[in-house]
Amino acid sequence: MDLARPRKWRKVCSLPERDRFGPLNFEVNNDHFITMTIDEYETIRLIDLEGFKQEECADQMNIARTTVQGIYNDARKKLAESLVNGKVLRIEGGNYELCDGRRKNCRKKNCRFCGRTVEKVKEIKNE
C-alpha cells in the first residue's frame, strides 16, 4: 500500500508558444533531446522573466515554496545541459492545470492567458 501524498496540480497560465529549442547547425537524434516539463517552464518564466521571488511563484502556481525551489533547480539544470551540450530542449508534460481564462476566478498576478497584471489584481481585490 502506497502512503505517498498525491501530487498537487501546478497552476500554469498558458502553454509555451514554441515547445522546441536548440542548435541549428547539426543533425539531431534522440540522444540529443532533453525534456523540460510545462511546470518547470512556468517556474523559469515566472522567476527569471517576470522577476517573481520563489514565494510569489509558489503562490501563483498554488504549490509550496520548497516545491518551486526543486522544480526551478531541475529546470535550470536542463537549460544548462541544452546550452552547454547542444541538446534540443523539448517542453512537454508534467503535473499542471491550465488557467481557465475566467478573470474573476484567476488569482494569478501575471496571467498570460487572461492578460492580467499586478495592478489589475490589486484593483479587483479592492472592489
Protein backbone atom coordinates (compact mmCIF):
# COMPACT_ATOMS: atom_id res chain seq x y z
CA MET A 1 0.00 0.00 0.00
CA ASP A 2 1.44 3.36 -1.10
CA LEU A 3 1.09 6.04 1.56
CA ALA A 4 2.67 8.81 -0.51
CA ARG A 5 0.69 12.01 -0.77
CA PRO A 6 -0.84 12.58 -4.21
CA ARG A 7 0.90 15.17 -6.38
CA LYS A 8 -0.72 18.59 -6.41
CA TRP A 9 -1.58 20.08 -9.80
CA ARG A 10 0.57 23.12 -10.56
CA LYS A 11 -1.32 26.16 -11.88
CA VAL A 12 0.06 27.33 -15.23
CA CYS A 13 -1.12 30.41 -17.14
CA SER A 14 -0.53 29.12 -20.66
CA LEU A 15 1.44 26.67 -22.70
CA PRO A 16 4.62 27.96 -24.35
CA GLU A 17 4.18 29.39 -27.85
CA ARG A 18 7.10 27.24 -29.01
CA ASP A 19 7.98 23.89 -27.48
CA ARG A 20 11.38 23.07 -29.04
CA PHE A 21 14.65 24.96 -28.83
CA GLY A 22 18.15 24.02 -29.75
CA PRO A 23 21.12 24.14 -32.07
CA LEU A 24 20.53 24.75 -35.74
CA ASN A 25 23.85 23.60 -37.14
CA PHE A 26 23.76 19.79 -36.86
CA GLU A 27 21.50 16.80 -37.28
CA VAL A 28 19.60 15.85 -34.16
CA ASN A 29 18.87 12.32 -32.99
CA ASN A 30 17.04 11.05 -29.90
CA ASP A 31 20.25 11.17 -27.83
CA HIS A 32 20.33 14.95 -28.31
CA PHE A 33 16.99 15.75 -26.66
CA ILE A 34 16.21 16.85 -23.14
CA THR A 35 12.64 17.32 -21.89
CA MET A 36 11.52 20.16 -19.64
CA THR A 37 8.02 19.85 -18.17
CA ILE A 38 5.40 22.59 -18.51
CA ASP A 39 5.59 23.32 -14.77
CA GLU A 40 9.39 23.64 -14.99
CA TYR A 41 8.93 26.06 -17.87
CA GLU A 42 6.42 28.07 -15.79
CA THR A 43 8.91 28.48 -12.93
CA ILE A 44 11.56 29.77 -15.36
CA ARG A 45 9.00 32.17 -16.86
CA LEU A 46 7.81 33.49 -13.51
CA ILE A 47 11.16 33.73 -11.71
CA ASP A 48 13.62 34.61 -14.46
CA LEU A 49 11.39 36.52 -16.89
CA GLU A 50 8.72 38.07 -14.68
CA GLY A 51 11.09 38.61 -11.72
CA PHE A 52 8.98 36.81 -9.12
CA LYS A 53 10.51 35.60 -5.88
CA GLN A 54 10.15 31.89 -5.19
CA GLU A 55 7.41 32.61 -2.63
CA GLU A 56 5.42 34.60 -5.20
CA CYS A 57 5.93 31.89 -7.80
CA ALA A 58 4.69 29.28 -5.32
CA ASP A 59 1.56 31.34 -4.62
CA GLN A 60 0.95 31.81 -8.34
CA MET A 61 1.32 28.09 -9.05
CA ASN A 62 -0.57 27.06 -5.89
CA ILE A 63 2.26 24.90 -4.52
CA ALA A 64 4.79 25.08 -1.67
CA ARG A 65 7.89 27.26 -1.96
CA THR A 66 10.11 24.23 -1.41
CA THR A 67 8.38 22.52 -4.34
CA VAL A 68 9.03 25.57 -6.52
CA GLN A 69 12.68 25.52 -5.47
CA GLY A 70 13.07 21.89 -6.58
CA ILE A 71 11.21 22.42 -9.87
CA TYR A 72 13.23 25.57 -10.60
CA ASN A 73 16.57 23.85 -9.89
CA ASP A 74 15.64 20.97 -12.22
CA ALA A 75 14.57 23.40 -14.95
CA ARG A 76 17.79 25.43 -14.76
CA LYS A 77 19.90 22.27 -14.94
CA LYS A 78 18.02 21.24 -18.10
CA LEU A 79 18.53 24.68 -19.65
CA ALA A 80 22.25 24.49 -18.90
CA GLU A 81 22.51 20.98 -20.36
CA SER A 82 20.77 22.14 -23.52
CA LEU A 83 23.04 25.18 -23.93
CA VAL A 84 26.35 23.60 -22.95
CA ASN A 85 25.90 20.17 -24.56
CA GLY A 86 23.97 21.34 -27.64
CA LYS A 87 20.83 19.34 -26.88
CA VAL A 88 17.39 20.18 -28.21
CA LEU A 89 15.08 21.26 -25.40
CA ARG A 90 11.51 19.94 -25.63
CA ILE A 91 8.84 21.43 -23.39
CA GLU A 92 6.02 18.98 -22.65
CA GLY A 93 4.27 17.00 -19.93
CA GLY A 94 4.24 17.41 -16.17
CA ASN A 95 1.58 17.86 -13.47
CA TYR A 96 -0.14 21.09 -14.37
CA GLU A 97 -3.54 22.68 -14.73
CA LEU A 98 -4.07 25.49 -17.24
CA CYS A 99 -5.79 28.75 -16.38
CA ASP A 100 -9.42 28.53 -17.43
CA GLY A 101 -9.47 32.16 -18.59
CA ARG A 102 -12.16 33.38 -16.21
CA ARG A 103 -10.69 36.65 -14.97
CA LYS A 104 -12.57 36.81 -11.68
CA ASN A 105 -11.55 33.26 -10.77
CA CYS A 106 -7.96 33.68 -11.95
CA ARG A 107 -5.79 34.55 -8.97
CA LYS A 108 -2.54 34.87 -10.86
CA LYS A 109 -0.68 38.17 -10.86
CA ASN A 110 0.74 37.95 -14.40
CA CYS A 111 -1.54 35.55 -16.22
CA ARG A 112 -0.60 35.39 -19.89
CA PHE A 113 -3.96 33.86 -20.72
CA CYS A 114 -6.11 36.48 -19.02
CA GLY A 115 -3.72 39.34 -19.72
CA ARG A 116 -3.76 40.36 -16.07
CA THR A 117 -1.08 42.43 -14.43
CA VAL A 118 -0.24 43.07 -10.79
CA GLU A 119 -2.14 46.39 -10.99
CA LYS A 120 -5.30 44.69 -12.29
CA VAL A 121 -5.17 42.14 -9.47
CA LYS A 122 -4.90 44.93 -6.90
CA GLU A 123 -7.91 46.69 -8.48
CA ILE A 124 -10.00 43.50 -8.35
CA LYS A 125 -9.06 42.86 -4.69
CA ASN A 126 -10.12 46.44 -3.80
CA GLU A 127 -13.56 46.07 -5.45
